[in-house]
Protein backbone atom coordinates (compact mmCIF):
# COMPACT_ATOMS: atom_id res chain seq x y z
CA MET A 1 0.00 0.00 0.00
CA GLY A 2 1.28 3.46 -0.91
CA ASP A 3 1.77 6.42 1.38
CA LEU A 4 -0.53 9.38 1.91
CA PHE A 5 0.95 12.77 0.98
CA LEU A 6 -0.54 15.91 2.49
CA VAL A 7 0.15 19.20 0.72
CA ARG A 8 -0.79 22.45 2.39
CA HIS A 9 -1.50 25.12 -0.22
CA GLY A 10 0.93 27.97 -0.72
CA GLU A 11 0.82 31.32 1.04
CA THR A 12 -2.16 33.67 0.73
CA ALA A 13 -2.41 37.26 1.94
CA TRP A 14 -4.59 36.03 4.81
CA SER A 15 -2.28 33.20 5.87
CA ARG A 16 0.63 35.63 5.83
CA SER A 17 -1.20 37.99 8.20
CA GLY A 18 -2.51 35.20 10.46
CA ARG A 19 -6.19 35.67 9.62
CA HIS A 20 -8.34 32.56 9.97
CA THR A 21 -9.18 31.60 6.41
CA GLY A 22 -11.89 29.00 6.27
CA LEU A 23 -14.37 29.24 3.41
CA THR A 24 -13.27 32.66 2.15
CA ASP A 25 -11.88 31.90 -1.30
CA VAL A 26 -8.68 33.94 -1.31
CA PRO A 27 -6.04 33.37 -4.01
CA LEU A 28 -2.38 32.47 -3.60
CA THR A 29 0.18 35.24 -3.44
CA GLU A 30 3.05 35.13 -5.92
CA HIS A 31 5.20 33.81 -3.07
CA GLY A 32 2.57 31.12 -2.49
CA ARG A 33 2.75 30.11 -6.14
CA GLU A 34 6.51 29.84 -5.86
CA GLU A 35 6.17 27.71 -2.71
CA ALA A 36 3.95 25.34 -4.67
CA ARG A 37 6.31 25.16 -7.65
CA ARG A 38 9.18 24.19 -5.35
CA LEU A 39 7.28 21.02 -4.39
CA VAL A 40 7.26 19.69 -7.98
CA PRO A 41 10.47 17.59 -7.61
CA LEU A 42 9.11 15.97 -4.43
CA ILE A 43 5.84 15.03 -6.12
CA ARG A 44 7.46 13.86 -9.37
CA SER A 45 9.79 11.52 -7.49
CA HIS A 46 6.82 9.32 -6.52
CA ARG A 47 4.22 7.35 -8.42
CA ILE A 48 0.89 9.07 -7.77
CA GLY A 49 -2.11 6.79 -7.91
CA ALA A 50 -4.81 9.31 -6.98
CA ALA A 51 -5.02 12.98 -6.10
CA PHE A 52 -7.71 14.96 -4.28
CA SER A 53 -8.09 18.70 -3.73
CA SER A 54 -10.22 21.05 -1.70
CA PRO A 55 -12.60 23.03 -3.93
CA LEU A 56 -11.13 26.34 -2.76
CA GLN A 57 -8.96 28.10 -5.32
CA ARG A 58 -5.83 28.28 -3.18
CA ALA A 59 -5.77 24.47 -3.01
CA ARG A 60 -6.82 23.85 -6.62
CA GLU A 61 -4.14 26.21 -7.93
CA THR A 62 -1.52 24.56 -5.73
CA ALA A 63 -2.52 21.15 -7.12
CA GLU A 64 -2.14 22.49 -10.64
CA LEU A 65 1.22 24.13 -9.94
CA ILE A 66 2.70 20.96 -8.45
CA GLY A 67 1.75 19.06 -11.59
CA LEU A 68 -1.11 16.88 -10.42
CA HIS A 69 -3.47 15.64 -13.11
CA GLU A 70 -6.96 14.15 -12.86
CA VAL A 71 -7.49 15.69 -9.45
CA ARG A 72 -10.78 14.88 -7.74
CA VAL A 73 -12.31 17.87 -5.96
CA GLU A 74 -13.72 16.90 -2.56
CA ALA A 75 -15.83 19.18 -0.38
CA ASP A 76 -14.67 17.25 2.71
CA LEU A 77 -11.17 18.70 2.16
CA GLN A 78 -12.30 22.30 2.78
CA GLU A 79 -10.70 24.18 5.61
CA TRP A 80 -12.26 24.38 9.08
CA ASP A 81 -15.38 26.54 9.02
CA TYR A 82 -14.35 29.26 11.45
CA GLY A 83 -17.86 30.73 11.75
CA GLY A 84 -17.71 34.06 13.55
CA TYR A 85 -13.91 33.95 13.61
CA GLU A 86 -13.52 33.99 9.82
CA GLY A 87 -10.92 36.59 8.88
CA VAL A 88 -9.95 37.23 12.52
CA THR A 89 -6.49 36.59 13.99
CA THR A 90 -5.80 34.56 17.12
CA VAL A 91 -4.44 37.68 18.84
CA GLU A 92 -7.71 39.51 18.19
CA ILE A 93 -9.79 36.58 19.44
CA GLN A 94 -7.73 36.25 22.62
CA ARG A 95 -8.36 39.89 23.51
CA GLU A 96 -11.97 38.87 24.16
CA ARG A 97 -11.34 35.23 25.09
CA PRO A 98 -7.98 34.95 26.90
CA GLY A 99 -6.49 31.51 26.51
CA TRP A 100 -8.72 30.62 23.55
CA PHE A 101 -7.36 27.70 21.53
CA LEU A 102 -9.00 26.54 18.30
CA PHE A 103 -8.37 22.82 18.69
CA THR A 104 -10.11 22.59 22.05
CA ASP A 105 -12.45 25.59 22.17
CA GLY A 106 -13.78 25.67 18.62
CA VAL A 107 -15.35 28.83 17.21
CA THR A 108 -18.29 31.16 17.77
CA PRO A 109 -21.30 30.81 15.44
CA GLY A 110 -21.22 32.67 12.16
CA PRO A 111 -23.86 33.52 9.55
CA PRO A 112 -26.04 30.76 8.01
CA GLU A 113 -23.70 30.28 5.04
CA HIS A 114 -20.79 29.43 7.35
CA PRO A 115 -22.08 28.70 10.86
CA GLY A 116 -18.79 27.27 12.17
CA GLU A 117 -17.59 23.79 13.08
CA THR A 118 -16.56 22.10 16.30
CA PRO A 119 -13.30 20.13 16.41
CA GLU A 120 -15.42 16.97 16.41
CA GLN A 121 -17.25 18.00 13.24
CA VAL A 122 -13.95 18.64 11.48
CA GLY A 123 -12.82 15.21 12.71
CA GLU A 124 -15.90 13.62 11.16
CA ARG A 125 -15.06 15.18 7.80
CA ALA A 126 -11.49 13.95 8.16
CA ASP A 127 -12.73 10.42 8.85
CA ARG A 128 -14.92 10.51 5.73
CA MET A 129 -11.95 11.69 3.68
CA LEU A 130 -9.70 8.98 5.10
CA ALA A 131 -12.25 6.36 4.05
CA LYS A 132 -11.97 7.71 0.48
CA VAL A 133 -8.17 7.66 0.77
CA ASP A 134 -8.18 4.03 1.89
CA ALA A 135 -10.45 3.07 -1.01
CA ALA A 136 -8.08 4.80 -3.43
CA LEU A 137 -5.01 3.17 -1.88
CA ALA A 138 -6.64 -0.24 -2.17
CA ASN A 139 -7.15 0.28 -5.90
CA THR A 140 -3.78 1.73 -6.92
CA GLU A 141 -0.12 0.83 -6.63
CA GLY A 142 0.87 4.44 -6.11
CA CYS A 143 0.56 7.05 -3.39
CA VAL A 144 -2.43 9.29 -2.72
CA VAL A 145 -2.04 13.07 -2.53
CA LEU A 146 -4.38 15.45 -0.70
CA VAL A 147 -4.04 19.18 -1.39
CA ALA A 148 -5.85 21.15 1.28
CA HIS A 149 -5.50 23.46 4.27
CA GLY A 150 -3.41 23.69 7.42
CA HIS A 151 -5.88 23.17 10.24
CA PHE A 152 -7.93 20.56 8.39
CA LEU A 153 -4.84 18.53 7.46
CA ARG A 154 -3.65 18.66 11.06
CA VAL A 155 -6.95 17.18 12.25
CA LEU A 156 -6.82 14.57 9.48
CA THR A 157 -3.31 13.60 10.60
CA ALA A 158 -4.49 13.17 14.18
CA ARG A 159 -7.37 10.97 13.04
CA ARG A 160 -5.06 8.89 10.82
CA LEU A 161 -2.91 8.20 13.87
CA GLY A 162 -5.93 7.22 15.98
CA LEU A 163 -5.90 10.44 18.02
CA PRO A 164 -8.81 12.80 18.80
CA PRO A 165 -9.32 15.84 16.53
CA SER A 166 -7.89 18.13 19.23
CA ALA A 167 -4.51 16.40 18.82
CA GLY A 168 -4.17 18.17 15.48
CA ALA A 169 -2.68 20.92 17.65
CA LEU A 170 0.51 18.84 17.81
CA PHE A 171 1.24 18.97 14.08
CA GLN A 172 2.15 22.50 12.95
CA LEU A 173 2.09 22.62 9.14
CA ALA A 174 3.56 25.53 7.18
CA THR A 175 2.27 26.81 3.84
CA GLY A 176 3.72 25.17 0.77
CA THR A 177 4.97 22.09 2.59
CA LEU A 178 4.46 18.35 2.34
CA GLY A 179 3.60 15.81 5.01
CA ARG A 180 3.97 12.06 4.45
CA LEU A 181 1.93 9.49 6.36
CA GLY A 182 2.93 5.87 5.99
CA THR A 183 2.87 2.63 7.92
CA GLU A 184 5.33 0.73 10.09
CA HIS A 185 4.53 -2.81 11.20
CA GLY A 186 0.92 -2.28 10.17
CA ARG A 187 0.46 0.95 12.13
CA HIS A 188 0.01 4.46 10.73
CA VAL A 189 3.00 6.73 11.31
CA ILE A 190 4.37 10.12 10.26
CA ALA A 191 7.13 9.40 7.74
CA GLY A 192 7.93 13.07 7.05
CA TRP A 193 6.59 16.49 8.04
CA ASN A 194 6.89 20.10 6.83
CA ILE A 195 9.04 18.89 3.95
CA ARG A 196 10.42 21.42 1.48
CA PRO A 197 13.03 20.79 -1.22
CA GLY A 198 16.50 21.43 0.13
CA ALA A 199 15.28 21.60 3.73
């Protein structure tokens, strides 16, 4: 069975400034595009059996720039719905809620079109996506690539390792980097994290 590669999209203006960017469809910056292009050698060095992307443009463009073809767009790969915290920085939130931490405290409700998600709800989406990953891995000799978002991929990593969604807090993931989840003696493990060419 192949490995699971996790690609966090390249930099956006909002990620650079620390604003929570859930469903707001912001584009990559030019630096973010360059971050994505730098991942091409890492992707090309592996046989890719299936690739999935979030529907948001920052992920779809990253998938295109790293040379993935026949990418399946999956709504379950969208970033955490931050509800009332969309576009707000952690520093700003903590002025009103000292000690607030996304992975344990969740978000405040937002408008009907993005009401917000609890850590457990994000974990449920991650579990659904992992079921699709396992089906793809069972039907290909190559690896599977997911191109998505930082907080969601951290929760997905926690779930892959059998941990609760809140344990995503343990896996900081920078923009334009690659994570590799594999197996050792039949157990899921992290085989590489925050990988960049030349790093």
